[in-house]
Amino acid sequence: MKTIMYVMLALCMTACSSSDDFKTAESTPHVASVATEFDFDVRDFAEAFNRAARKQNQGYHIDHVEIQQGVMHDYFRQMLDANISLSASLSRETGRITTVTLLFKDQADAHDRAKLLPLARLIMLAVNPRLSPRQAETVANAMLDEMTTTDARHFPQRFIDHVRYAVRSDSAVGYWWTANPA
């Protein structure tokens, strides 16, 4: 449990920090603003996730939405399986989602990648309704193909319709897939 909490903290810190791969308003003067939250709350996300799961014939389901108070932000967490956790960070001011994270705690191998793909696709479809299932699968596959476990600083990411998708892998933690506004 502590490992999951440490990973979630690291993911939140990563999502909030800037890097060469992700330009912020301060580093790009011609950008008026950078989105910091999605335009939906956790209940809207849960409905979109469940709808996408039904359409994709996946057995995953968000049963109950319970918002927890954290030190820095509020959050929602749902265990989809013994090794699969889905969480969302929420803005305290608006209640809208700032980051969606899927933590898949297992060995980072081809078998687990095959189990991760439908979940990544569901998250992509839930946060971006304009995305087609085929496009979501193509993008998720390409990102997983690009991922390397030897270089911790390299991680595949895509920007689609103002959403940043990223995936990381670690032999101790497994996979984590994130979606946040860009």
Protein backbone atom coordinates (compact mmCIF):
# COMPACT_ATOMS: atom_id res chain seq x y z
CA MET A 1 0.00 0.00 0.00
CA LYS A 2 2.86 2.37 0.81
CA THR A 3 4.38 1.68 -2.59
CA ILE A 4 1.17 2.71 -4.32
CA MET A 5 0.97 5.89 -2.26
CA TYR A 6 4.60 6.78 -3.04
CA VAL A 7 4.03 6.17 -6.73
CA MET A 8 0.88 8.31 -6.68
CA LEU A 9 2.80 11.12 -4.99
CA ALA A 10 5.58 10.82 -7.57
CA LEU A 11 3.04 10.87 -10.39
CA CYS A 12 1.36 13.97 -9.03
CA MET A 13 4.71 15.69 -8.68
CA THR A 14 5.65 14.65 -12.22
CA ALA A 15 2.38 15.89 -13.63
CA CYS A 16 2.83 19.25 -11.93
CA SER A 17 6.44 19.78 -12.93
CA SER A 18 7.65 21.09 -16.26
CA SER A 19 10.16 19.41 -18.55
CA ASP A 20 11.67 19.82 -22.00
CA ASP A 21 8.85 17.66 -23.37
CA PHE A 22 6.02 19.71 -21.89
CA LYS A 23 5.94 23.47 -22.46
CA THR A 24 4.12 25.63 -19.93
CA ALA A 25 2.75 29.11 -20.35
CA GLU A 26 5.92 30.58 -18.78
CA SER A 27 8.23 28.88 -21.28
CA THR A 28 6.03 29.59 -24.31
CA PRO A 29 5.10 33.30 -24.42
CA HIS A 30 2.65 32.97 -27.34
CA VAL A 31 0.39 30.60 -25.38
CA ALA A 32 -2.31 32.50 -23.52
CA SER A 33 -2.94 29.84 -20.89
CA VAL A 34 -2.44 26.19 -20.10
CA ALA A 35 -5.36 24.04 -19.03
CA THR A 36 -4.89 22.73 -15.52
CA GLU A 37 -8.08 20.73 -15.24
CA PHE A 38 -10.51 18.84 -17.43
CA ASP A 39 -13.97 20.28 -17.93
CA PHE A 40 -15.60 17.36 -16.08
CA ASP A 41 -15.74 16.08 -12.53
CA VAL A 42 -15.14 12.57 -11.19
CA ARG A 43 -18.78 11.50 -11.56
CA ASP A 44 -18.78 12.55 -15.23
CA PHE A 45 -15.51 10.65 -15.69
CA ALA A 46 -16.93 7.53 -14.00
CA GLU A 47 -19.97 7.60 -16.30
CA ALA A 48 -17.76 8.07 -19.39
CA PHE A 49 -15.40 5.27 -18.26
CA ASN A 50 -18.27 2.87 -17.60
CA ARG A 51 -19.92 3.75 -20.93
CA ALA A 52 -16.63 3.15 -22.79
CA ALA A 53 -16.12 -0.15 -20.95
CA ARG A 54 -19.59 -1.35 -21.99
CA LYS A 55 -19.06 -0.32 -25.63
CA GLN A 56 -15.64 -2.02 -25.69
CA ASN A 57 -16.99 -5.17 -23.96
CA GLN A 58 -14.59 -4.77 -21.04
CA GLY A 59 -15.49 -6.03 -17.57
CA TYR A 60 -14.07 -3.01 -15.75
CA HIS A 61 -16.48 -0.75 -13.92
CA ILE A 62 -16.29 2.16 -11.50
CA ASP A 63 -18.77 1.09 -8.84
CA HIS A 64 -18.81 3.89 -6.33
CA VAL A 65 -17.40 7.40 -6.40
CA GLU A 66 -16.03 8.46 -3.05
CA ILE A 67 -13.89 11.59 -2.96
CA GLN A 68 -11.07 11.56 -0.41
CA GLN A 69 -9.32 14.60 1.01
CA GLY A 70 -5.59 14.66 0.52
CA VAL A 71 -2.92 17.00 1.79
CA MET A 72 -2.41 18.82 -1.53
CA HIS A 73 -5.60 17.96 -3.43
CA ASP A 74 -8.67 15.80 -3.26
CA TYR A 75 -8.71 12.50 -5.08
CA PHE A 76 -10.78 9.53 -6.12
CA ARG A 77 -9.47 5.97 -6.22
CA GLN A 78 -11.03 2.77 -7.51
CA MET A 79 -9.45 -0.67 -7.37
CA LEU A 80 -10.35 -2.35 -10.67
CA ASP A 81 -8.50 -5.55 -9.80
CA ALA A 82 -6.10 -6.71 -7.09
CA ASN A 83 -3.21 -5.18 -9.08
CA ILE A 84 -5.00 -2.36 -10.93
CA SER A 85 -5.77 1.00 -9.37
CA LEU A 86 -7.46 3.93 -11.11
CA SER A 87 -7.26 7.33 -9.47
CA ALA A 88 -8.04 10.93 -10.28
CA SER A 89 -6.70 14.08 -8.67
CA LEU A 90 -9.30 16.80 -8.21
CA SER A 91 -9.17 20.56 -7.94
CA ARG A 92 -10.42 21.63 -4.53
CA GLU A 93 -11.78 24.86 -5.98
CA THR A 94 -13.86 23.39 -8.83
CA GLY A 95 -14.08 19.65 -8.15
CA ARG A 96 -12.87 18.99 -11.68
CA ILE A 97 -10.26 16.36 -12.51
CA THR A 98 -6.67 17.50 -12.94
CA THR A 99 -5.02 14.12 -13.60
CA VAL A 100 -6.19 10.55 -14.22
CA THR A 101 -3.73 7.79 -13.34
CA LEU A 102 -3.92 4.06 -13.90
CA LEU A 103 -1.46 2.05 -11.84
CA PHE A 104 -0.96 -1.50 -13.05
CA LYS A 105 1.21 -3.24 -10.44
CA ASP A 106 2.65 -6.29 -12.11
CA GLN A 107 5.72 -7.32 -14.01
CA ALA A 108 6.41 -5.11 -17.00
CA ASP A 109 6.25 -7.81 -19.67
CA ALA A 110 4.39 -8.57 -22.90
CA HIS A 111 1.55 -10.40 -21.13
CA ASP A 112 0.86 -7.43 -18.87
CA ARG A 113 1.13 -5.00 -21.79
CA ALA A 114 -1.74 -6.90 -23.41
CA LYS A 115 -3.79 -6.44 -20.23
CA LEU A 116 -2.82 -2.74 -20.00
CA LEU A 117 -3.87 -1.87 -23.55
CA PRO A 118 -7.67 -2.07 -23.06
CA LEU A 119 -7.42 -0.08 -19.83
CA ALA A 120 -5.33 2.64 -21.49
CA ARG A 121 -7.88 2.76 -24.30
CA LEU A 122 -10.76 3.13 -21.80
CA ILE A 123 -9.06 6.04 -20.06
CA MET A 124 -8.34 7.73 -23.40
CA LEU A 125 -11.98 7.36 -24.46
CA ALA A 126 -13.30 8.53 -21.08
CA VAL A 127 -11.27 11.76 -20.99
CA ASN A 128 -11.58 12.49 -24.72
CA PRO A 129 -14.98 11.62 -26.22
CA ARG A 130 -13.91 12.86 -29.69
CA LEU A 131 -11.35 10.07 -29.89
CA SER A 132 -12.43 6.96 -31.78
CA PRO A 133 -11.77 3.52 -30.23
CA ARG A 134 -9.54 2.68 -33.18
CA GLN A 135 -7.47 5.86 -32.76
CA ALA A 136 -7.18 5.25 -29.00
CA GLU A 137 -5.92 1.72 -29.60
CA THR A 138 -3.44 2.85 -32.26
CA VAL A 139 -2.01 5.57 -30.03
CA ALA A 140 -1.84 3.34 -26.93
CA ASN A 141 -0.11 0.57 -28.93
CA ALA A 142 2.42 3.02 -30.37
CA MET A 143 3.20 4.43 -26.92
CA LEU A 144 3.69 0.97 -25.42
CA ASP A 145 5.95 0.02 -28.33
CA GLU A 146 8.11 3.11 -27.70
CA MET A 147 8.46 2.54 -24.00
CA THR A 148 11.81 1.50 -22.65
CA THR A 149 12.49 0.32 -19.13
CA THR A 150 16.22 1.05 -19.34
CA ASP A 151 15.99 4.83 -19.55
CA ALA A 152 13.91 6.17 -16.67
CA ARG A 153 13.90 9.70 -18.14
CA HIS A 154 12.32 8.59 -21.44
CA PHE A 155 8.64 7.92 -21.46
CA PRO A 156 6.25 8.01 -24.39
CA GLN A 157 3.64 10.72 -24.42
CA ARG A 158 1.11 12.10 -26.88
CA PHE A 159 -0.88 15.31 -27.05
CA ILE A 160 -4.33 14.80 -28.57
CA ASP A 161 -7.18 17.34 -28.37
CA HIS A 162 -5.52 19.18 -25.47
CA VAL A 163 -4.96 16.00 -23.46
CA ARG A 164 -1.50 14.73 -22.57
CA TYR A 165 -1.21 10.94 -22.34
CA ALA A 166 1.93 9.39 -20.87
CA VAL A 167 3.03 5.90 -19.89
CA ARG A 168 5.87 4.75 -17.67
CA SER A 169 7.14 1.41 -16.55
CA ASP A 170 9.25 0.25 -13.66
CA SER A 171 10.21 -3.28 -12.65
CA ALA A 172 9.32 -2.59 -9.01
CA VAL A 173 6.01 -0.83 -9.64
CA GLY A 174 4.74 -2.00 -13.02
CA TYR A 175 3.01 0.38 -15.42
CA TRP A 176 1.34 3.69 -14.84
CA TRP A 177 -0.69 5.49 -17.49
CA THR A 178 -1.65 9.11 -17.04
CA ALA A 179 -3.95 11.58 -18.75
CA ASN A 180 -3.99 15.25 -17.91
CA PRO A 181 -5.09 18.48 -19.61
CA ALA A 182 -2.50 20.14 -21.82
